[in-house]
Amino acid sequence: MTIKVTKGGVSNNIVADMDFAKAVYPTSEGYSHELVIEDPVINDATKEAEARNWRTQELNATDRIAQTPDWPNRDKYLTYRTKLRDWPSTSDFPDTKPTL
């Protein structure tokens, strides 16, 4: 985690846990400490990984349906599963998820 350490109007960010920051830069010597919340980096690789995880979960959730010949609306689920498998090779991956 990132900790903002300030003394006398001068701030520095350090990568450490709060206990370490307070031990090395004690408040008794005039230091203040603030946890810096960083936004996670969301790039194309992250989006694709999250999309693939979601797709895997959907395929796992519909495995039983695909293997049960008399499941109601089974044909729709089989079509959905085909869309899920083909999705990574389409131009709308990972932005538009297949729907049932």
N, C-alpha and C. Protein backbone atom coordinates (compact mmCIF):
# COMPACT_ATOMS: atom_id res chain seq x y z
N MET A 1 0.84 -1.17 0.00
CA MET A 1 0.00 0.00 0.00
C MET A 1 0.88 1.23 0.00
N THR A 2 0.34 2.34 -0.41
CA THR A 2 1.08 3.59 -0.46
C THR A 2 0.64 4.47 0.70
N ILE A 3 1.65 4.99 1.41
CA ILE A 3 1.40 5.87 2.55
C ILE A 3 2.02 7.23 2.24
N LYS A 4 1.24 8.29 2.44
CA LYS A 4 1.73 9.66 2.29
C LYS A 4 2.23 10.11 3.66
N VAL A 5 3.51 10.41 3.73
CA VAL A 5 4.14 10.86 4.98
C VAL A 5 4.45 12.35 4.82
N THR A 6 3.98 13.16 5.79
CA THR A 6 4.15 14.61 5.70
C THR A 6 4.79 15.14 6.98
N LYS A 7 5.70 16.10 6.77
CA LYS A 7 6.31 16.81 7.90
C LYS A 7 6.70 18.20 7.43
N GLY A 8 6.24 19.21 8.13
CA GLY A 8 6.60 20.58 7.80
C GLY A 8 6.16 21.00 6.41
N GLY A 9 5.02 20.49 5.95
CA GLY A 9 4.50 20.86 4.64
C GLY A 9 5.12 20.10 3.48
N VAL A 10 6.05 19.23 3.76
CA VAL A 10 6.69 18.42 2.71
C VAL A 10 6.15 17.00 2.81
N SER A 11 5.68 16.49 1.67
CA SER A 11 5.09 15.15 1.65
C SER A 11 5.89 14.23 0.74
N ASN A 12 5.94 12.99 1.12
CA ASN A 12 6.53 11.94 0.31
C ASN A 12 5.64 10.71 0.40
N ASN A 13 5.54 9.99 -0.70
CA ASN A 13 4.81 8.73 -0.70
C ASN A 13 5.79 7.59 -0.56
N ILE A 14 5.46 6.64 0.30
CA ILE A 14 6.28 5.44 0.46
C ILE A 14 5.38 4.23 0.27
N VAL A 15 5.97 3.15 -0.17
CA VAL A 15 5.24 1.90 -0.31
C VAL A 15 5.60 1.04 0.90
N ALA A 16 4.66 0.92 1.81
CA ALA A 16 4.87 0.18 3.05
C ALA A 16 3.52 0.01 3.73
N ASP A 17 3.51 -0.72 4.84
CA ASP A 17 2.27 -0.76 5.61
C ASP A 17 2.31 0.36 6.65
N MET A 18 1.16 0.67 7.21
CA MET A 18 1.03 1.81 8.11
C MET A 18 1.90 1.65 9.36
N ASP A 19 1.99 0.44 9.89
CA ASP A 19 2.82 0.22 11.09
C ASP A 19 4.28 0.58 10.83
N PHE A 20 4.78 0.17 9.67
CA PHE A 20 6.16 0.49 9.31
C PHE A 20 6.34 2.00 9.18
N ALA A 21 5.40 2.65 8.47
CA ALA A 21 5.50 4.09 8.26
C ALA A 21 5.53 4.84 9.58
N LYS A 22 4.68 4.44 10.52
CA LYS A 22 4.63 5.11 11.82
C LYS A 22 5.86 4.81 12.67
N ALA A 23 6.46 3.64 12.47
CA ALA A 23 7.67 3.30 13.23
C ALA A 23 8.87 4.10 12.72
N VAL A 24 8.98 4.23 11.41
CA VAL A 24 10.13 4.92 10.83
C VAL A 24 9.95 6.44 10.86
N TYR A 25 8.72 6.89 10.70
CA TYR A 25 8.39 8.32 10.70
C TYR A 25 7.37 8.59 11.81
N PRO A 26 7.82 8.65 13.05
CA PRO A 26 6.89 8.73 14.18
C PRO A 26 6.17 10.08 14.28
N THR A 27 4.93 10.00 14.71
CA THR A 27 4.14 11.23 14.90
C THR A 27 4.75 12.09 16.00
N SER A 28 5.47 11.49 16.92
CA SER A 28 6.12 12.26 17.99
C SER A 28 7.19 13.21 17.44
N GLU A 29 7.66 12.95 16.23
CA GLU A 29 8.65 13.83 15.59
C GLU A 29 8.00 14.75 14.56
N GLY A 30 6.66 14.80 14.58
CA GLY A 30 5.95 15.74 13.71
C GLY A 30 5.49 15.20 12.37
N TYR A 31 5.62 13.90 12.17
CA TYR A 31 5.15 13.31 10.91
C TYR A 31 3.67 13.00 10.99
N SER A 32 2.99 13.15 9.86
CA SER A 32 1.61 12.67 9.75
C SER A 32 1.58 11.61 8.66
N HIS A 33 0.59 10.74 8.73
CA HIS A 33 0.51 9.59 7.83
C HIS A 33 -0.89 9.52 7.23
N GLU A 34 -0.93 9.24 5.95
CA GLU A 34 -2.23 9.14 5.26
C GLU A 34 -2.15 8.00 4.24
N LEU A 35 -3.14 7.14 4.30
CA LEU A 35 -3.22 6.05 3.34
C LEU A 35 -3.66 6.62 2.00
N VAL A 36 -2.93 6.30 0.95
CA VAL A 36 -3.26 6.77 -0.40
C VAL A 36 -4.04 5.66 -1.10
N ILE A 37 -5.26 5.97 -1.46
CA ILE A 37 -6.10 5.01 -2.19
C ILE A 37 -5.84 5.20 -3.68
N GLU A 38 -5.36 4.15 -4.31
CA GLU A 38 -5.05 4.22 -5.73
C GLU A 38 -6.12 3.51 -6.53
N ASP A 39 -6.50 4.11 -7.64
CA ASP A 39 -7.44 3.46 -8.54
C ASP A 39 -6.73 2.32 -9.26
N PRO A 40 -7.38 1.17 -9.34
CA PRO A 40 -6.74 0.07 -10.06
C PRO A 40 -6.61 0.41 -11.54
N VAL A 41 -5.55 -0.05 -12.13
CA VAL A 41 -5.33 0.18 -13.55
C VAL A 41 -6.21 -0.80 -14.33
N ILE A 42 -7.08 -0.23 -15.13
CA ILE A 42 -7.95 -1.08 -15.95
C ILE A 42 -7.54 -0.86 -17.40
N ASN A 43 -6.88 -1.85 -17.95
CA ASN A 43 -6.45 -1.77 -19.34
C ASN A 43 -7.11 -2.89 -20.13
N ASP A 44 -6.77 -2.98 -21.39
CA ASP A 44 -7.39 -4.00 -22.24
C ASP A 44 -7.14 -5.41 -21.74
N ALA A 45 -5.93 -5.66 -21.26
CA ALA A 45 -5.61 -7.01 -20.77
C ALA A 45 -6.45 -7.36 -19.55
N THR A 46 -6.66 -6.37 -18.66
CA THR A 46 -7.49 -6.60 -17.47
C THR A 46 -8.94 -6.87 -17.88
N LYS A 47 -9.46 -6.07 -18.80
CA LYS A 47 -10.83 -6.27 -19.27
C LYS A 47 -11.01 -7.65 -19.89
N GLU A 48 -10.03 -8.05 -20.70
CA GLU A 48 -10.12 -9.35 -21.36
C GLU A 48 -10.05 -10.49 -20.34
N ALA A 49 -9.19 -10.37 -19.36
CA ALA A 49 -9.08 -11.41 -18.33
C ALA A 49 -10.37 -11.52 -17.54
N GLU A 50 -10.97 -10.39 -17.18
CA GLU A 50 -12.24 -10.41 -16.45
C GLU A 50 -13.34 -11.01 -17.31
N ALA A 51 -13.35 -10.68 -18.59
CA ALA A 51 -14.36 -11.22 -19.50
C ALA A 51 -14.21 -12.73 -19.65
N ARG A 52 -12.98 -13.19 -19.76
CA ARG A 52 -12.74 -14.64 -19.88
C ARG A 52 -13.16 -15.37 -18.59
N ASN A 53 -12.90 -14.78 -17.45
CA ASN A 53 -13.34 -15.38 -16.18
C ASN A 53 -14.85 -15.47 -16.12
N TRP A 54 -15.52 -14.40 -16.51
CA TRP A 54 -16.99 -14.40 -16.53
C TRP A 54 -17.50 -15.49 -17.47
N ARG A 55 -16.90 -15.58 -18.66
CA ARG A 55 -17.31 -16.57 -19.65
C ARG A 55 -17.12 -17.99 -19.11
N THR A 56 -16.02 -18.24 -18.44
CA THR A 56 -15.77 -19.56 -17.86
C THR A 56 -16.82 -19.89 -16.81
N GLN A 57 -17.19 -18.92 -16.00
CA GLN A 57 -18.23 -19.14 -14.99
C GLN A 57 -19.57 -19.46 -15.65
N GLU A 58 -19.90 -18.75 -16.71
CA GLU A 58 -21.16 -19.01 -17.42
C GLU A 58 -21.16 -20.41 -18.04
N LEU A 59 -20.05 -20.79 -18.64
CA LEU A 59 -19.97 -22.14 -19.22
C LEU A 59 -20.09 -23.21 -18.14
N ASN A 60 -19.42 -22.99 -17.01
CA ASN A 60 -19.52 -23.94 -15.90
C ASN A 60 -20.95 -24.02 -15.37
N ALA A 61 -21.62 -22.89 -15.29
CA ALA A 61 -22.98 -22.86 -14.75
C ALA A 61 -23.99 -23.55 -15.67
N THR A 62 -23.67 -23.64 -16.96
CA THR A 62 -24.61 -24.25 -17.90
C THR A 62 -24.19 -25.64 -18.37
N ASP A 63 -23.12 -26.16 -17.80
CA ASP A 63 -22.66 -27.51 -18.18
C ASP A 63 -23.74 -28.57 -17.96
N ARG A 64 -24.36 -28.52 -16.82
CA ARG A 64 -25.38 -29.52 -16.49
C ARG A 64 -26.55 -29.46 -17.47
N ILE A 65 -26.92 -28.25 -17.84
CA ILE A 65 -28.04 -28.07 -18.78
C ILE A 65 -27.67 -28.68 -20.13
N ALA A 66 -26.45 -28.43 -20.57
CA ALA A 66 -26.01 -28.94 -21.88
C ALA A 66 -25.99 -30.46 -21.91
N GLN A 67 -25.79 -31.09 -20.78
CA GLN A 67 -25.69 -32.54 -20.72
C GLN A 67 -27.02 -33.23 -20.40
N THR A 68 -28.07 -32.45 -20.21
CA THR A 68 -29.38 -33.01 -19.89
C THR A 68 -30.30 -32.86 -21.10
N PRO A 69 -30.54 -33.95 -21.85
CA PRO A 69 -31.29 -33.86 -23.10
C PRO A 69 -32.70 -33.29 -22.97
N ASP A 70 -33.38 -33.52 -21.83
CA ASP A 70 -34.76 -33.06 -21.72
C ASP A 70 -34.89 -31.76 -20.90
N TRP A 71 -33.81 -31.02 -20.77
CA TRP A 71 -33.86 -29.75 -20.03
C TRP A 71 -34.73 -28.76 -20.81
N PRO A 72 -35.65 -28.05 -20.13
CA PRO A 72 -36.49 -27.07 -20.83
C PRO A 72 -35.62 -25.99 -21.51
N ASN A 73 -35.94 -25.69 -22.74
CA ASN A 73 -35.23 -24.67 -23.52
C ASN A 73 -33.74 -24.98 -23.70
N ARG A 74 -33.41 -26.27 -23.72
CA ARG A 74 -32.01 -26.68 -23.85
C ARG A 74 -31.36 -26.12 -25.10
N ASP A 75 -32.10 -26.04 -26.20
CA ASP A 75 -31.54 -25.52 -27.45
C ASP A 75 -31.04 -24.08 -27.29
N LYS A 76 -31.78 -23.28 -26.53
CA LYS A 76 -31.36 -21.90 -26.29
C LYS A 76 -30.05 -21.86 -25.50
N TYR A 77 -29.91 -22.75 -24.54
CA TYR A 77 -28.68 -22.82 -23.75
C TYR A 77 -27.50 -23.29 -24.61
N LEU A 78 -27.74 -24.23 -25.48
CA LEU A 78 -26.68 -24.70 -26.37
C LEU A 78 -26.22 -23.58 -27.30
N THR A 79 -27.16 -22.80 -27.80
CA THR A 79 -26.82 -21.65 -28.64
C THR A 79 -26.03 -20.62 -27.84
N TYR A 80 -26.46 -20.37 -26.62
CA TYR A 80 -25.78 -19.44 -25.73
C TYR A 80 -24.35 -19.89 -25.47
N ARG A 81 -24.16 -21.17 -25.21
CA ARG A 81 -22.83 -21.70 -24.95
C ARG A 81 -21.93 -21.56 -26.18
N THR A 82 -22.48 -21.73 -27.35
CA THR A 82 -21.72 -21.53 -28.58
C THR A 82 -21.28 -20.07 -28.70
N LYS A 83 -22.21 -19.16 -28.39
CA LYS A 83 -21.87 -17.72 -28.40
C LYS A 83 -20.75 -17.42 -27.39
N LEU A 84 -20.83 -18.05 -26.23
CA LEU A 84 -19.80 -17.84 -25.21
C LEU A 84 -18.43 -18.33 -25.69
N ARG A 85 -18.41 -19.50 -26.31
CA ARG A 85 -17.14 -20.04 -26.79
C ARG A 85 -16.56 -19.21 -27.93
N ASP A 86 -17.43 -18.67 -28.78
CA ASP A 86 -16.97 -17.88 -29.93
C ASP A 86 -16.66 -16.43 -29.59
N TRP A 87 -17.17 -15.96 -28.47
CA TRP A 87 -17.08 -14.54 -28.10
C TRP A 87 -15.68 -13.95 -28.16
N PRO A 88 -14.63 -14.60 -27.63
CA PRO A 88 -13.30 -13.98 -27.67
C PRO A 88 -12.78 -13.69 -29.08
N SER A 89 -13.30 -14.36 -30.08
CA SER A 89 -12.82 -14.13 -31.45
C SER A 89 -13.68 -13.11 -32.20
N THR A 90 -14.66 -12.51 -31.53
CA THR A 90 -15.51 -11.53 -32.18
C THR A 90 -14.99 -10.11 -31.96
N SER A 91 -15.45 -9.19 -32.77
CA SER A 91 -15.00 -7.80 -32.67
C SER A 91 -15.54 -7.09 -31.44
N ASP A 92 -16.61 -7.59 -30.83
CA ASP A 92 -17.17 -6.92 -29.65
C ASP A 92 -16.65 -7.47 -28.33
N PHE A 93 -15.62 -8.33 -28.39
CA PHE A 93 -14.99 -8.84 -27.17
C PHE A 93 -14.02 -7.80 -26.66
N PRO A 94 -13.99 -7.49 -25.40
CA PRO A 94 -14.77 -7.98 -24.27
C PRO A 94 -15.94 -7.07 -23.89
N ASP A 95 -16.26 -6.10 -24.75
CA ASP A 95 -17.21 -5.05 -24.38
C ASP A 95 -18.67 -5.49 -24.31
N THR A 96 -19.11 -6.40 -25.16
CA THR A 96 -20.51 -6.80 -25.19
C THR A 96 -20.62 -8.30 -24.90
N LYS A 97 -21.20 -8.62 -23.75
CA LYS A 97 -21.33 -10.02 -23.35
C LYS A 97 -22.46 -10.70 -24.09
N PRO A 98 -22.29 -11.97 -24.45
CA PRO A 98 -23.40 -12.73 -25.03
C PRO A 98 -24.54 -12.86 -24.01
N THR A 99 -25.74 -12.93 -24.53
CA THR A 99 -26.91 -13.08 -23.66
C THR A 99 -27.66 -14.35 -24.04
N LEU A 100 -28.39 -14.86 -23.08
CA LEU A 100 -29.17 -16.07 -23.27
C LEU A 100 -30.44 -15.73 -24.02
